[in-house]
Amino acid sequence: MTEKPSLREYLRRYAEGGIPREEMIETIAAWDFEEEIYDPLLIEPTGQDNILSLLNGAVLLGDITYEDAEEILRRKNARG
């Protein structure tokens, strides 16, 4: 069984300069995102790795810009 790639790891590699911006945007726009588990009784994060909300965290951490996140979502939505 093949393990899914890690969005956290991909964003980390981008932030370290290992991936060009355009490649990052195109790759994440086509990413196989998982449904986020939401449980109001959980205080701690679930640790899910391939969820769309990681983009918000990456913006807050300064790993990607707000404009990068907007462009990723624009392209993702254009794909249908």
N, C-alpha and C. Protein backbone atom coordinates (compact mmCIF):
# COMPACT_ATOMS: atom_id res chain seq x y z
N MET A 1 0.84 -1.18 0.00
CA MET A 1 0.00 0.00 0.00
C MET A 1 0.88 1.25 0.00
N THR A 2 0.59 2.17 -0.88
CA THR A 2 1.36 3.40 -0.99
C THR A 2 0.79 4.45 -0.04
N GLU A 3 1.66 5.07 0.70
CA GLU A 3 1.24 6.11 1.63
C GLU A 3 1.07 7.44 0.88
N LYS A 4 0.05 8.21 1.28
CA LYS A 4 -0.17 9.52 0.67
C LYS A 4 0.98 10.46 1.00
N PRO A 5 1.30 11.36 0.08
CA PRO A 5 2.30 12.38 0.42
C PRO A 5 1.79 13.29 1.53
N SER A 6 2.69 13.91 2.23
CA SER A 6 2.35 14.76 3.35
C SER A 6 2.30 16.23 2.92
N LEU A 7 1.15 16.87 3.10
CA LEU A 7 1.04 18.29 2.78
C LEU A 7 1.91 19.12 3.72
N ARG A 8 1.95 18.75 4.99
CA ARG A 8 2.82 19.47 5.94
C ARG A 8 4.27 19.45 5.48
N GLU A 9 4.72 18.28 5.08
CA GLU A 9 6.11 18.13 4.62
C GLU A 9 6.35 18.93 3.34
N TYR A 10 5.40 18.89 2.44
CA TYR A 10 5.53 19.64 1.19
C TYR A 10 5.63 21.14 1.47
N LEU A 11 4.77 21.64 2.34
CA LEU A 11 4.81 23.07 2.70
C LEU A 11 6.13 23.43 3.39
N ARG A 12 6.63 22.53 4.21
CA ARG A 12 7.92 22.77 4.89
C ARG A 12 9.05 22.86 3.86
N ARG A 13 9.05 21.94 2.89
CA ARG A 13 10.09 21.97 1.85
C ARG A 13 10.01 23.25 1.03
N TYR A 14 8.78 23.69 0.74
CA TYR A 14 8.61 24.95 0.01
C TYR A 14 9.16 26.12 0.83
N ALA A 15 8.81 26.18 2.10
CA ALA A 15 9.25 27.27 2.98
C ALA A 15 10.77 27.32 3.09
N GLU A 16 11.42 26.17 2.98
CA GLU A 16 12.88 26.10 3.04
C GLU A 16 13.53 26.42 1.71
N GLY A 17 12.73 26.68 0.68
CA GLY A 17 13.27 27.05 -0.63
C GLY A 17 13.53 25.87 -1.56
N GLY A 18 13.01 24.70 -1.20
CA GLY A 18 13.27 23.51 -2.01
C GLY A 18 12.33 23.31 -3.17
N ILE A 19 11.30 24.14 -3.28
CA ILE A 19 10.31 24.00 -4.34
C ILE A 19 9.98 25.38 -4.88
N PRO A 20 9.98 25.56 -6.20
CA PRO A 20 9.62 26.86 -6.77
C PRO A 20 8.15 27.20 -6.50
N ARG A 21 7.85 28.49 -6.40
CA ARG A 21 6.51 28.97 -6.05
C ARG A 21 5.44 28.44 -7.00
N GLU A 22 5.64 28.59 -8.29
CA GLU A 22 4.63 28.17 -9.26
C GLU A 22 4.35 26.67 -9.17
N GLU A 23 5.40 25.89 -8.98
CA GLU A 23 5.24 24.44 -8.82
C GLU A 23 4.43 24.13 -7.55
N MET A 24 4.72 24.84 -6.48
CA MET A 24 4.00 24.64 -5.22
C MET A 24 2.52 24.94 -5.40
N ILE A 25 2.20 26.06 -6.01
CA ILE A 25 0.81 26.45 -6.20
C ILE A 25 0.07 25.42 -7.05
N GLU A 26 0.66 25.02 -8.15
CA GLU A 26 0.02 24.06 -9.05
C GLU A 26 -0.15 22.70 -8.36
N THR A 27 0.85 22.26 -7.64
CA THR A 27 0.79 20.96 -6.98
C THR A 27 -0.28 20.94 -5.89
N ILE A 28 -0.32 21.97 -5.06
CA ILE A 28 -1.29 21.98 -3.96
C ILE A 28 -2.71 22.19 -4.49
N ALA A 29 -2.86 22.94 -5.58
CA ALA A 29 -4.20 23.12 -6.17
C ALA A 29 -4.76 21.78 -6.64
N ALA A 30 -3.89 20.83 -7.00
CA ALA A 30 -4.32 19.51 -7.46
C ALA A 30 -4.23 18.45 -6.36
N TRP A 31 -3.94 18.87 -5.13
CA TRP A 31 -3.71 17.94 -4.02
C TRP A 31 -4.96 17.11 -3.71
N ASP A 32 -4.73 15.88 -3.28
CA ASP A 32 -5.80 14.99 -2.87
C ASP A 32 -6.12 15.25 -1.39
N PHE A 33 -6.92 16.28 -1.14
CA PHE A 33 -7.26 16.66 0.22
C PHE A 33 -8.22 15.65 0.84
N GLU A 34 -8.09 15.48 2.15
CA GLU A 34 -8.98 14.61 2.90
C GLU A 34 -10.04 15.47 3.59
N GLU A 35 -11.15 14.84 3.91
CA GLU A 35 -12.19 15.50 4.69
C GLU A 35 -11.65 15.71 6.10
N GLU A 36 -11.83 16.91 6.61
CA GLU A 36 -11.33 17.20 7.95
C GLU A 36 -12.26 16.63 9.01
N ILE A 37 -11.67 15.95 9.98
CA ILE A 37 -12.45 15.40 11.09
C ILE A 37 -12.70 16.53 12.07
N TYR A 38 -13.96 16.76 12.35
CA TYR A 38 -14.31 17.81 13.31
C TYR A 38 -15.10 17.18 14.44
N ASP A 39 -14.61 17.37 15.62
CA ASP A 39 -15.30 16.88 16.81
C ASP A 39 -15.26 17.98 17.85
N PRO A 40 -16.39 18.59 18.18
CA PRO A 40 -16.39 19.71 19.13
C PRO A 40 -15.89 19.33 20.52
N LEU A 41 -15.80 18.03 20.79
CA LEU A 41 -15.32 17.59 22.10
C LEU A 41 -13.79 17.48 22.15
N LEU A 42 -13.16 17.53 20.98
CA LEU A 42 -11.70 17.45 20.94
C LEU A 42 -11.09 18.83 21.15
N ILE A 43 -10.17 18.93 22.06
CA ILE A 43 -9.46 20.19 22.30
C ILE A 43 -8.19 20.24 21.46
N GLU A 44 -7.50 19.11 21.39
CA GLU A 44 -6.25 19.03 20.64
C GLU A 44 -6.54 18.84 19.15
N PRO A 45 -5.64 19.29 18.28
CA PRO A 45 -5.80 19.03 16.84
C PRO A 45 -5.76 17.52 16.57
N THR A 46 -6.41 17.10 15.51
CA THR A 46 -6.46 15.67 15.19
C THR A 46 -5.16 15.15 14.61
N GLY A 47 -4.31 16.03 14.13
CA GLY A 47 -3.06 15.59 13.53
C GLY A 47 -3.20 15.20 12.07
N GLN A 48 -4.37 15.46 11.51
CA GLN A 48 -4.55 15.14 10.09
C GLN A 48 -3.54 15.91 9.26
N ASP A 49 -3.09 15.29 8.19
CA ASP A 49 -2.00 15.87 7.43
C ASP A 49 -2.38 16.42 6.07
N ASN A 50 -3.45 16.00 5.49
CA ASN A 50 -3.78 16.41 4.13
C ASN A 50 -5.14 17.10 4.08
N ILE A 51 -5.27 18.15 4.88
CA ILE A 51 -6.53 18.88 4.95
C ILE A 51 -6.31 20.33 4.52
N LEU A 52 -7.35 20.90 3.97
CA LEU A 52 -7.28 22.25 3.43
C LEU A 52 -6.91 23.30 4.48
N SER A 53 -7.31 23.09 5.73
CA SER A 53 -7.02 24.10 6.76
C SER A 53 -5.53 24.25 7.05
N LEU A 54 -4.70 23.32 6.59
CA LEU A 54 -3.25 23.49 6.76
C LEU A 54 -2.74 24.72 6.01
N LEU A 55 -3.46 25.12 4.95
CA LEU A 55 -3.05 26.32 4.23
C LEU A 55 -3.16 27.55 5.12
N ASN A 56 -4.22 27.61 5.94
CA ASN A 56 -4.37 28.74 6.86
C ASN A 56 -3.20 28.79 7.84
N GLY A 57 -2.83 27.64 8.36
CA GLY A 57 -1.70 27.57 9.27
C GLY A 57 -0.41 27.98 8.61
N ALA A 58 -0.23 27.59 7.36
CA ALA A 58 0.99 27.96 6.63
C ALA A 58 1.07 29.46 6.42
N VAL A 59 -0.08 30.09 6.19
CA VAL A 59 -0.11 31.56 6.05
C VAL A 59 0.26 32.21 7.39
N LEU A 60 -0.35 31.73 8.47
CA LEU A 60 -0.07 32.30 9.79
C LEU A 60 1.40 32.13 10.19
N LEU A 61 2.00 31.01 9.80
CA LEU A 61 3.41 30.76 10.11
C LEU A 61 4.36 31.49 9.17
N GLY A 62 3.82 32.07 8.10
CA GLY A 62 4.65 32.77 7.13
C GLY A 62 5.32 31.85 6.12
N ASP A 63 4.85 30.59 6.05
CA ASP A 63 5.43 29.65 5.08
C ASP A 63 4.96 29.94 3.66
N ILE A 64 3.72 30.40 3.52
CA ILE A 64 3.21 30.86 2.24
C ILE A 64 2.51 32.20 2.49
N THR A 65 2.29 32.94 1.42
CA THR A 65 1.61 34.23 1.57
C THR A 65 0.10 34.04 1.45
N TYR A 66 -0.63 35.03 1.90
CA TYR A 66 -2.09 35.02 1.76
C TYR A 66 -2.44 34.94 0.26
N GLU A 67 -1.68 35.64 -0.56
CA GLU A 67 -1.91 35.63 -2.01
C GLU A 67 -1.68 34.23 -2.58
N ASP A 68 -0.64 33.52 -2.06
CA ASP A 68 -0.40 32.14 -2.50
C ASP A 68 -1.63 31.28 -2.20
N ALA A 69 -2.15 31.38 -0.97
CA ALA A 69 -3.30 30.59 -0.56
C ALA A 69 -4.52 30.92 -1.42
N GLU A 70 -4.74 32.20 -1.71
CA GLU A 70 -5.86 32.60 -2.57
C GLU A 70 -5.73 31.99 -3.96
N GLU A 71 -4.51 32.01 -4.50
CA GLU A 71 -4.28 31.47 -5.84
C GLU A 71 -4.47 29.96 -5.86
N ILE A 72 -4.02 29.28 -4.82
CA ILE A 72 -4.23 27.83 -4.71
C ILE A 72 -5.72 27.53 -4.72
N LEU A 73 -6.49 28.25 -3.90
CA LEU A 73 -7.93 28.01 -3.84
C LEU A 73 -8.62 28.37 -5.14
N ARG A 74 -8.19 29.43 -5.80
CA ARG A 74 -8.77 29.81 -7.09
C ARG A 74 -8.58 28.69 -8.10
N ARG A 75 -7.35 28.15 -8.17
CA ARG A 75 -7.06 27.09 -9.14
C ARG A 75 -7.79 25.80 -8.75
N LYS A 76 -7.85 25.50 -7.46
CA LYS A 76 -8.53 24.31 -6.99
C LYS A 76 -10.01 24.38 -7.38
N ASN A 77 -10.64 25.51 -7.16
CA ASN A 77 -12.06 25.68 -7.49
C ASN A 77 -12.29 25.66 -9.00
N ALA A 78 -11.33 26.14 -9.78
CA ALA A 78 -11.47 26.13 -11.24
C ALA A 78 -11.41 24.70 -11.80
N ARG A 79 -10.77 23.81 -11.06
CA ARG A 79 -10.69 22.41 -11.51
C ARG A 79 -12.02 21.69 -11.34
N GLY A 80 -12.88 22.25 -10.51
CA GLY A 80 -14.20 21.67 -10.35
C GLY A 80 -14.33 20.94 -9.10
